[in-house]
Amino acid sequence: MSKGKRYPEEFKLEAVKQVSERGYSVMEVATRLDISTKTLYHWVAQFGEQSPRMKDQATEQAEIARLKSELKRVTEERDILKKAAAYFANDHL
C-alpha cells in the first residue's frame, strides 16, 4: 500500500524556504502547494535551519564555494605562468 504522493527534495526545500525565509504561514504555503499542513510541518522539522541535515548541506555549500574560489585563483596563476613561459621562450629565440 502506498503512503501517498512523493515529492522531490527540491520541492520540499522550496516549501520550507517559503515558511522559514519568506515568512509565509504554514497554512498559506500548504494551501498554495496543495499539500497538508501536517506534511509541511514535517518538512520544516526535517529540512528547517536547525536540522542536522540542513547544517550539513550548508557546510558542504560553504566548502564548494571555497573550492571554486581556490580553483579560480589557481587557474589564473597557471594562465599567467603559461603566458610568461611563452614570452620568455619566444624572447630567447
PDB file of N, CA and C in Angstrom:
ATOM      1  N   MET A   1       0.838  -1.187   0.000  1.00  0.00           N
ATOM      2  CA  MET A   1       0.000   0.000   0.000  1.00  0.00           C
ATOM      3  C   MET A   1       0.878   1.244   0.000  1.00  0.00           C
ATOM      4  N   SER A   2       0.537   2.189  -0.812  1.00  0.00           N
ATOM      5  CA  SER A   2       1.312   3.411  -0.956  1.00  0.00           C
ATOM      6  C   SER A   2       1.073   4.354   0.218  1.00  0.00           C
ATOM      7  N   LYS A   3       2.106   5.060   0.617  1.00  0.00           N
ATOM      8  CA  LYS A   3       1.982   6.037   1.711  1.00  0.00           C
ATOM      9  C   LYS A   3       1.431   7.367   1.232  1.00  0.00           C
ATOM     10  N   GLY A   4       1.339   7.567  -0.051  1.00  0.00           N
ATOM     11  CA  GLY A   4       0.857   8.833  -0.586  1.00  0.00           C
ATOM     12  C   GLY A   4       1.773   9.350  -1.659  1.00  0.00           C
ATOM     13  N   LYS A   5       1.550  10.580  -2.010  1.00  0.00           N
ATOM     14  CA  LYS A   5       2.307  11.206  -3.087  1.00  0.00           C
ATOM     15  C   LYS A   5       3.742  11.492  -2.648  1.00  0.00           C
ATOM     16  N   ARG A   6       4.684  11.255  -3.541  1.00  0.00           N
ATOM     17  CA  ARG A   6       6.102  11.535  -3.288  1.00  0.00           C
ATOM     18  C   ARG A   6       6.471  12.849  -3.955  1.00  0.00           C
ATOM     19  N   TYR A   7       7.231  13.672  -3.238  1.00  0.00           N
ATOM     20  CA  TYR A   7       7.653  14.964  -3.772  1.00  0.00           C
ATOM     21  C   TYR A   7       9.170  14.992  -3.869  1.00  0.00           C
ATOM     22  N   PRO A   8       9.714  15.648  -4.884  1.00  0.00           N
ATOM     23  CA  PRO A   8      11.177  15.773  -4.988  1.00  0.00           C
ATOM     24  C   PRO A   8      11.722  16.633  -3.836  1.00  0.00           C
ATOM     25  N   GLU A   9      12.953  16.387  -3.490  1.00  0.00           N
ATOM     26  CA  GLU A   9      13.564  17.121  -2.378  1.00  0.00           C
ATOM     27  C   GLU A   9      13.617  18.622  -2.645  1.00  0.00           C
ATOM     28  N   GLU A  10      13.824  19.020  -3.894  1.00  0.00           N
ATOM     29  CA  GLU A  10      13.854  20.449  -4.235  1.00  0.00           C
ATOM     30  C   GLU A  10      12.511  21.113  -3.923  1.00  0.00           C
ATOM     31  N   PHE A  11      11.423  20.393  -4.205  1.00  0.00           N
ATOM     32  CA  PHE A  11      10.083  20.902  -3.919  1.00  0.00           C
ATOM     33  C   PHE A  11       9.921  21.111  -2.413  1.00  0.00           C
ATOM     34  N   LYS A  12      10.362  20.131  -1.646  1.00  0.00           N
ATOM     35  CA  LYS A  12      10.257  20.214  -0.185  1.00  0.00           C
ATOM     36  C   LYS A  12      11.074  21.389   0.349  1.00  0.00           C
ATOM     37  N   LEU A  13      12.297  21.516  -0.147  1.00  0.00           N
ATOM     38  CA  LEU A  13      13.167  22.601   0.320  1.00  0.00           C
ATOM     39  C   LEU A  13      12.579  23.969  -0.006  1.00  0.00           C
ATOM     40  N   GLU A  14      11.999  24.098  -1.194  1.00  0.00           N
ATOM     41  CA  GLU A  14      11.395  25.375  -1.574  1.00  0.00           C
ATOM     42  C   GLU A  14      10.198  25.684  -0.687  1.00  0.00           C
ATOM     43  N   ALA A  15       9.406  24.679  -0.372  1.00  0.00           N
ATOM     44  CA  ALA A  15       8.256  24.883   0.516  1.00  0.00           C
ATOM     45  C   ALA A  15       8.725  25.334   1.899  1.00  0.00           C
ATOM     46  N   VAL A  16       9.772  24.713   2.403  1.00  0.00           N
ATOM     47  CA  VAL A  16      10.314  25.088   3.715  1.00  0.00           C
ATOM     48  C   VAL A  16      10.861  26.507   3.682  1.00  0.00           C
ATOM     49  N   LYS A  17      11.536  26.884   2.594  1.00  0.00           N
ATOM     50  CA  LYS A  17      12.074  28.244   2.464  1.00  0.00           C
ATOM     51  C   LYS A  17      10.962  29.288   2.492  1.00  0.00           C
ATOM     52  N   GLN A  18       9.833  28.965   1.874  1.00  0.00           N
ATOM     53  CA  GLN A  18       8.725  29.913   1.866  1.00  0.00           C
ATOM     54  C   GLN A  18       8.237  30.185   3.289  1.00  0.00           C
ATOM     55  N   VAL A  19       8.301  29.175   4.134  1.00  0.00           N
ATOM     56  CA  VAL A  19       7.873  29.350   5.528  1.00  0.00           C
ATOM     57  C   VAL A  19       8.975  30.004   6.354  1.00  0.00           C
ATOM     58  N   SER A  20      10.195  29.468   6.263  1.00  0.00           N
ATOM     59  CA  SER A  20      11.262  29.920   7.165  1.00  0.00           C
ATOM     60  C   SER A  20      11.928  31.218   6.737  1.00  0.00           C
ATOM     61  N   GLU A  21      12.122  31.426   5.437  1.00  0.00           N
ATOM     62  CA  GLU A  21      12.850  32.605   4.980  1.00  0.00           C
ATOM     63  C   GLU A  21      11.947  33.736   4.503  1.00  0.00           C
ATOM     64  N   ARG A  22      10.861  33.374   3.871  1.00  0.00           N
ATOM     65  CA  ARG A  22      10.000  34.407   3.289  1.00  0.00           C
ATOM     66  C   ARG A  22       8.850  34.813   4.188  1.00  0.00           C
ATOM     67  N   GLY A  23       8.661  34.081   5.305  1.00  0.00           N
ATOM     68  CA  GLY A  23       7.689  34.497   6.304  1.00  0.00           C
ATOM     69  C   GLY A  23       6.241  34.124   6.044  1.00  0.00           C
ATOM     70  N   TYR A  24       5.983  33.263   5.073  1.00  0.00           N
ATOM     71  CA  TYR A  24       4.609  32.829   4.836  1.00  0.00           C
ATOM     72  C   TYR A  24       4.197  31.838   5.920  1.00  0.00           C
ATOM     73  N   SER A  25       2.907  31.780   6.212  1.00  0.00           N
ATOM     74  CA  SER A  25       2.428  30.824   7.214  1.00  0.00           C
ATOM     75  C   SER A  25       2.389  29.427   6.602  1.00  0.00           C
ATOM     76  N   VAL A  26       2.439  28.433   7.475  1.00  0.00           N
ATOM     77  CA  VAL A  26       2.386  27.050   7.024  1.00  0.00           C
ATOM     78  C   VAL A  26       1.068  26.800   6.295  1.00  0.00           C
ATOM     79  N   MET A  27      -0.019  27.318   6.838  1.00  0.00           N
ATOM     80  CA  MET A  27      -1.337  27.133   6.232  1.00  0.00           C
ATOM     81  C   MET A  27      -1.363  27.727   4.813  1.00  0.00           C
ATOM     82  N   GLU A  28      -0.813  28.916   4.670  1.00  0.00           N
ATOM     83  CA  GLU A  28      -0.805  29.605   3.377  1.00  0.00           C
ATOM     84  C   GLU A  28      -0.012  28.816   2.332  1.00  0.00           C
ATOM     85  N   VAL A  29       1.167  28.366   2.702  1.00  0.00           N
ATOM     86  CA  VAL A  29       2.020  27.627   1.772  1.00  0.00           C
ATOM     87  C   VAL A  29       1.403  26.272   1.443  1.00  0.00           C
ATOM     88  N   ALA A  30       0.890  25.601   2.459  1.00  0.00           N
ATOM     89  CA  ALA A  30       0.280  24.287   2.244  1.00  0.00           C
ATOM     90  C   ALA A  30      -0.913  24.388   1.304  1.00  0.00           C
ATOM     91  N   THR A  31      -1.729  25.405   1.479  1.00  0.00           N
ATOM     92  CA  THR A  31      -2.890  25.590   0.611  1.00  0.00           C
ATOM     93  C   THR A  31      -2.449  25.880  -0.819  1.00  0.00           C
ATOM     94  N   ARG A  32      -1.479  26.768  -0.965  1.00  0.00           N
ATOM     95  CA  ARG A  32      -0.999  27.153  -2.295  1.00  0.00           C
ATOM     96  C   ARG A  32      -0.372  25.966  -3.036  1.00  0.00           C
ATOM     97  N   LEU A  33       0.349  25.106  -2.303  1.00  0.00           N
ATOM     98  CA  LEU A  33       1.039  23.979  -2.926  1.00  0.00           C
ATOM     99  C   LEU A  33       0.199  22.702  -2.943  1.00  0.00           C
ATOM    100  N   ASP A  34      -0.998  22.789  -2.378  1.00  0.00           N
ATOM    101  CA  ASP A  34      -1.919  21.655  -2.336  1.00  0.00           C
ATOM    102  C   ASP A  34      -1.318  20.457  -1.594  1.00  0.00           C
ATOM    103  N   ILE A  35      -0.767  20.743  -0.417  1.00  0.00           N
ATOM    104  CA  ILE A  35      -0.265  19.695   0.473  1.00  0.00           C
ATOM    105  C   ILE A  35      -0.878  19.915   1.842  1.00  0.00           C
ATOM    106  N   SER A  36      -0.801  18.914   2.694  1.00  0.00           N
ATOM    107  CA  SER A  36      -1.377  19.074   4.028  1.00  0.00           C
ATOM    108  C   SER A  36      -0.430  19.866   4.924  1.00  0.00           C
ATOM    109  N   THR A  37      -1.001  20.538   5.907  1.00  0.00           N
ATOM    110  CA  THR A  37      -0.163  21.290   6.850  1.00  0.00           C
ATOM    111  C   THR A  37       0.716  20.338   7.653  1.00  0.00           C
ATOM    112  N   LYS A  38       0.209  19.150   7.929  1.00  0.00           N
ATOM    113  CA  LYS A  38       0.995  18.157   8.675  1.00  0.00           C
ATOM    114  C   LYS A  38       2.256  17.796   7.894  1.00  0.00           C
ATOM    115  N   THR A  39       2.091  17.608   6.595  1.00  0.00           N
ATOM    116  CA  THR A  39       3.242  17.290   5.739  1.00  0.00           C
ATOM    117  C   THR A  39       4.253  18.427   5.753  1.00  0.00           C
ATOM    118  N   LEU A  40       3.757  19.647   5.630  1.00  0.00           N
ATOM    119  CA  LEU A  40       4.666  20.798   5.600  1.00  0.00           C
ATOM    120  C   LEU A  40       5.372  20.979   6.942  1.00  0.00           C
ATOM    121  N   TYR A  41       4.655  20.774   8.060  1.00  0.00           N
ATOM    122  CA  TYR A  41       5.309  20.844   9.371  1.00  0.00           C
ATOM    123  C   TYR A  41       6.411  19.788   9.477  1.00  0.00           C
ATOM    124  N   HIS A  42       6.148  18.610   8.938  1.00  0.00           N
ATOM    125  CA  HIS A  42       7.157  17.548   8.951  1.00  0.00           C
ATOM    126  C   HIS A  42       8.389  17.968   8.150  1.00  0.00           C
ATOM    127  N   TRP A  43       8.154  18.565   6.974  1.00  0.00           N
ATOM    128  CA  TRP A  43       9.274  19.026   6.149  1.00  0.00           C
ATOM    129  C   TRP A  43      10.062  20.126   6.845  1.00  0.00           C
ATOM    130  N   VAL A  44       9.367  21.027   7.521  1.00  0.00           N
ATOM    131  CA  VAL A  44      10.055  22.110   8.252  1.00  0.00           C
ATOM    132  C   VAL A  44      10.944  21.506   9.330  1.00  0.00           C
ATOM    133  N   ALA A  45      10.439  20.490  10.028  1.00  0.00           N
ATOM    134  CA  ALA A  45      11.254  19.831  11.060  1.00  0.00           C
ATOM    135  C   ALA A  45      12.430  19.093  10.428  1.00  0.00           C
ATOM    136  N   GLN A  46      12.189  18.508   9.274  1.00  0.00           N
ATOM    137  CA  GLN A  46      13.225  17.722   8.606  1.00  0.00           C
ATOM    138  C   GLN A  46      14.275  18.596   7.930  1.00  0.00           C
ATOM    139  N   PHE A  47      13.846  19.669   7.274  1.00  0.00           N
ATOM    140  CA  PHE A  47      14.755  20.481   6.460  1.00  0.00           C
ATOM    141  C   PHE A  47      14.974  21.891   6.992  1.00  0.00           C
ATOM    142  N   GLY A  48      14.363  22.233   8.100  1.00  0.00           N
ATOM    143  CA  GLY A  48      14.499  23.579   8.644  1.00  0.00           C
ATOM    144  C   GLY A  48      15.927  23.900   9.015  1.00  0.00           C
ATOM    145  N   GLU A  49      16.191  25.147   9.294  1.00  0.00           N
ATOM    146  CA  GLU A  49      17.561  25.613   9.540  1.00  0.00           C
ATOM    147  C   GLU A  49      18.230  24.912  10.709  1.00  0.00           C
ATOM    148  N   GLN A  50      17.447  24.438  11.676  1.00  0.00           N
ATOM    149  CA  GLN A  50      18.034  23.804  12.856  1.00  0.00           C
ATOM    150  C   GLN A  50      18.327  22.316  12.647  1.00  0.00           C
ATOM    151  N   SER A  51      17.853  21.738  11.560  1.00  0.00           N
ATOM    152  CA  SER A  51      18.041  20.306  11.359  1.00  0.00           C
ATOM    153  C   SER A  51      19.504  20.002  11.020  1.00  0.00           C
ATOM    154  N   PRO A  52      19.998  18.874  11.484  1.00  0.00           N
ATOM    155  CA  PRO A  52      21.382  18.484  11.173  1.00  0.00           C
ATOM    156  C   PRO A  52      21.614  18.344   9.674  1.00  0.00           C
ATOM    157  N   ARG A  53      20.607  17.910   8.958  1.00  0.00           N
ATOM    158  CA  ARG A  53      20.738  17.736   7.511  1.00  0.00           C
ATOM    159  C   ARG A  53      20.997  19.068   6.820  1.00  0.00           C
ATOM    160  N   MET A  54      20.291  20.123   7.236  1.00  0.00           N
ATOM    161  CA  MET A  54      20.492  21.439   6.635  1.00  0.00           C
ATOM    162  C   MET A  54      21.857  22.006   7.020  1.00  0.00           C
ATOM    163  N   LYS A  55      22.304  21.731   8.249  1.00  0.00           N
ATOM    164  CA  LYS A  55      23.630  22.189   8.661  1.00  0.00           C
ATOM    165  C   LYS A  55      24.711  21.531   7.815  1.00  0.00           C
ATOM    166  N   ASP A  56      24.530  20.230   7.534  1.00  0.00           N
ATOM    167  CA  ASP A  56      25.487  19.521   6.691  1.00  0.00           C
ATOM    168  C   ASP A  56      25.504  20.107   5.287  1.00  0.00           C
ATOM    169  N   GLN A  57      24.313  20.399   4.756  1.00  0.00           N
ATOM    170  CA  GLN A  57      24.242  20.984   3.415  1.00  0.00           C
ATOM    171  C   GLN A  57      24.879  22.360   3.388  1.00  0.00           C
ATOM    172  N   ALA A  58      24.679  23.144   4.427  1.00  0.00           N
ATOM    173  CA  ALA A  58      25.271  24.482   4.480  1.00  0.00           C
ATOM    174  C   ALA A  58      26.800  24.376   4.540  1.00  0.00           C
ATOM    175  N   THR A  59      27.295  23.428   5.309  1.00  0.00           N
ATOM    176  CA  THR A  59      28.734  23.208   5.406  1.00  0.00           C
ATOM    177  C   THR A  59      29.302  22.791   4.053  1.00  0.00           C
ATOM    178  N   GLU A  60      28.591  21.898   3.370  1.00  0.00           N
ATOM    179  CA  GLU A  60      29.036  21.451   2.059  1.00  0.00           C
ATOM    180  C   GLU A  60      29.019  22.600   1.054  1.00  0.00           C
ATOM    181  N   GLN A  61      27.995  23.430   1.100  1.00  0.00           N
ATOM    182  CA  GLN A  61      27.912  24.558   0.177  1.00  0.00           C
ATOM    183  C   GLN A  61      29.052  25.547   0.427  1.00  0.00           C
ATOM    184  N   ALA A  62      29.389  25.775   1.687  1.00  0.00           N
ATOM    185  CA  ALA A  62      30.494  26.671   2.009  1.00  0.00           C
ATOM    186  C   ALA A  62      31.812  26.098   1.486  1.00  0.00           C
ATOM    187  N   GLU A  63      31.991  24.792   1.632  1.00  0.00           N
ATOM    188  CA  GLU A  63      33.206  24.136   1.147  1.00  0.00           C
ATOM    189  C   GLU A  63      33.282  24.217  -0.378  1.00  0.00           C
ATOM    190  N   ILE A  64      32.163  24.014  -1.050  1.00  0.00           N
ATOM    191  CA  ILE A  64      32.133  24.104  -2.506  1.00  0.00           C
ATOM    192  C   ILE A  64      32.499  25.517  -2.954  1.00  0.00           C
ATOM    193  N   ALA A  65      31.941  26.524  -2.288  1.00  0.00           N
ATOM    194  CA  ALA A  65      32.248  27.913  -2.642  1.00  0.00           C
ATOM    195  C   ALA A  65      33.735  28.211  -2.443  1.00  0.00           C
ATOM    196  N   ARG A  66      34.302  27.714  -1.341  1.00  0.00           N
ATOM    197  CA  ARG A  66      35.721  27.922  -1.074  1.00  0.00           C
ATOM    198  C   ARG A  66      36.577  27.254  -2.144  1.00  0.00           C
ATOM    199  N   LEU A  67      36.209  26.029  -2.514  1.00  0.00           N
ATOM    200  CA  LEU A  67      36.978  25.305  -3.523  1.00  0.00           C
ATOM    201  C   LEU A  67      36.874  25.960  -4.899  1.00  0.00           C
ATOM    202  N   LYS A  68      35.710  26.481  -5.232  1.00  0.00           N
ATOM    203  CA  LYS A  68      35.549  27.180  -6.512  1.00  0.00           C
ATOM    204  C   LYS A  68      36.430  28.420  -6.550  1.00  0.00           C
ATOM    205  N   SER A  69      36.470  29.143  -5.435  1.00  0.00           N
ATOM    206  CA  SER A  69      37.302  30.337  -5.360  1.00  0.00           C
ATOM    207  C   SER A  69      38.782  29.974  -5.510  1.00  0.00           C
ATOM    208  N   GLU A  70      39.192  28.919  -4.834  1.00  0.00           N
ATOM    209  CA  GLU A  70      40.579  28.485  -4.914  1.00  0.00           C
ATOM    210  C   GLU A  70      40.920  28.008  -6.326  1.00  0.00           C
ATOM    211  N   LEU A  71      39.997  27.285  -6.961  1.00  0.00           N
ATOM    212  CA  LEU A  71      40.219  26.825  -8.325  1.00  0.00           C
ATOM    213  C   LEU A  71      40.391  28.002  -9.269  1.00  0.00           C
ATOM    214  N   LYS A  72      39.581  29.028  -9.107  1.00  0.00           N
ATOM    215  CA  LYS A  72      39.678  30.214  -9.958  1.00  0.00           C
ATOM    216  C   LYS A  72      41.048  30.872  -9.796  1.00  0.00           C
ATOM    217  N   ARG A  73      41.502  31.002  -8.548  1.00  0.00           N
ATOM    218  CA  ARG A  73      42.797  31.630  -8.274  1.00  0.00           C
ATOM    219  C   ARG A  73      43.936  30.819  -8.891  1.00  0.00           C
ATOM    220  N   VAL A  74      43.899  29.513  -8.705  1.00  0.00           N
ATOM    221  CA  VAL A  74      44.958  28.649  -9.225  1.00  0.00           C
ATOM    222  C   VAL A  74      44.957  28.649 -10.753  1.00  0.00           C
ATOM    223  N   THR A  75      43.763  28.671 -11.352  1.00  0.00           N
ATOM    224  CA  THR A  75      43.668  28.723 -12.814  1.00  0.00           C
ATOM    225  C   THR A  75      44.263  30.022 -13.346  1.00  0.00           C
ATOM    226  N   GLU A  76      43.991  31.134 -12.683  1.00  0.00           N
ATOM    227  CA  GLU A  76      44.556  32.413 -13.097  1.00  0.00           C
ATOM    228  C   GLU A  76      46.081  32.400 -12.969  1.00  0.00           C
ATOM    229  N   GLU A  77      46.594  31.823 -11.875  1.00  0.00           N
ATOM    230  CA  GLU A  77      48.038  31.734 -11.695  1.00  0.00           C
ATOM    231  C   GLU A  77      48.670  30.887 -12.797  1.00  0.00           C
ATOM    232  N   ARG A  78      48.021  29.768 -13.128  1.00  0.00           N
ATOM    233  CA  ARG A  78      48.532  28.896 -14.185  1.00  0.00           C
ATOM    234  C   ARG A  78      48.579  29.629 -15.521  1.00  0.00           C
ATOM    235  N   ASP A  79      47.510  30.363 -15.826  1.00  0.00           N
ATOM    236  CA  ASP A  79      47.468  31.097 -17.096  1.00  0.00           C
ATOM    237  C   ASP A  79      48.566  32.151 -17.169  1.00  0.00           C
ATOM    238  N   ILE A  80      48.832  32.822 -16.060  1.00  0.00           N
ATOM    239  CA  ILE A  80      49.907  33.821 -16.019  1.00  0.00           C
ATOM    240  C   ILE A  80      51.254  33.150 -16.268  1.00  0.00           C
ATOM    241  N   LEU A  81      51.480  32.001 -15.632  1.00  0.00           N
ATOM    242  CA  LEU A  81      52.737  31.281 -15.820  1.00  0.00           C
ATOM    243  C   LEU A  81      52.892  30.793 -17.260  1.00  0.00           C
ATOM    244  N   LYS A  82      51.806  30.338 -17.879  1.00  0.00           N
ATOM    245  CA  LYS A  82      51.864  29.911 -19.279  1.00  0.00           C
ATOM    246  C   LYS A  82      52.267  31.070 -20.182  1.00  0.00           C
ATOM    247  N   LYS A  83      51.669  32.230 -19.958  1.00  0.00           N
ATOM    248  CA  LYS A  83      51.978  33.411 -20.771  1.00  0.00           C
ATOM    249  C   LYS A  83      53.430  33.839 -20.568  1.00  0.00           C
ATOM    250  N   ALA A  84      53.893  33.782 -19.326  1.00  0.00           N
ATOM    251  CA  ALA A  84      55.275  34.154 -19.045  1.00  0.00           C
ATOM    252  C   ALA A  84      56.240  33.180 -19.714  1.00  0.00           C
ATOM    253  N   ALA A  85      55.932  31.897 -19.642  1.00  0.00           N
ATOM    254  CA  ALA A  85      56.798  30.890 -20.267  1.00  0.00           C
ATOM    255  C   ALA A  85      56.834  31.086 -21.775  1.00  0.00           C
ATOM    256  N   ALA A  86      55.695  31.373 -22.377  1.00  0.00           N
ATOM    257  CA  ALA A  86      55.642  31.601 -23.826  1.00  0.00           C
ATOM    258  C   ALA A  86      56.418  32.861 -24.193  1.00  0.00           C
ATOM    259  N   TYR A  87      56.313  33.892 -23.382  1.00  0.00           N
ATOM    260  CA  TYR A  87      57.021  35.151 -23.633  1.00  0.00           C
ATOM    261  C   TYR A  87      58.530  34.932 -23.608  1.00  0.00           C
ATOM    262  N   PHE A  88      59.000  34.270 -22.560  1.00  0.00           N
ATOM    263  CA  PHE A  88      60.432  34.060 -22.437  1.00  0.00           C
ATOM    264  C   PHE A  88      60.954  33.062 -23.465  1.00  0.00           C
ATOM    265  N   ALA A  89      60.147  32.101 -23.872  1.00  0.00           N
ATOM    266  CA  ALA A  89      60.564  31.145 -24.891  1.00  0.00           C
ATOM    267  C   ALA A  89      60.738  31.841 -26.239  1.00  0.00           C
ATOM    268  N   ASN A  90      59.854  32.750 -26.564  1.00  0.00           N
ATOM    269  CA  ASN A  90      59.929  33.484 -27.824  1.00  0.00           C
ATOM    270  C   ASN A  90      61.006  34.558 -27.759  1.00  0.00           C
ATOM    271  N   ASP A  91      61.266  35.095 -26.599  1.00  0.00           N
ATOM    272  CA  ASP A  91      62.244  36.165 -26.416  1.00  0.00           C
ATOM    273  C   ASP A  91      63.662  35.669 -26.666  1.00  0.00           C
ATOM    274  N   HIS A  92      63.949  34.441 -26.326  1.00  0.00           N
ATOM    275  CA  HIS A  92      65.306  33.936 -26.437  1.00  0.00           C
ATOM    276  C   HIS A  92      65.606  33.300 -27.777  1.00  0.00           C
ATOM    277  N   LEU A  93      64.653  33.249 -28.674  1.00  0.00           N
ATOM    278  CA  LEU A  93      64.903  32.629 -29.975  1.00  0.00           C
ATOM    279  C   LEU A  93      65.558  33.539 -30.936  1.00  0.00           C
TER     280      LEU A  93
END
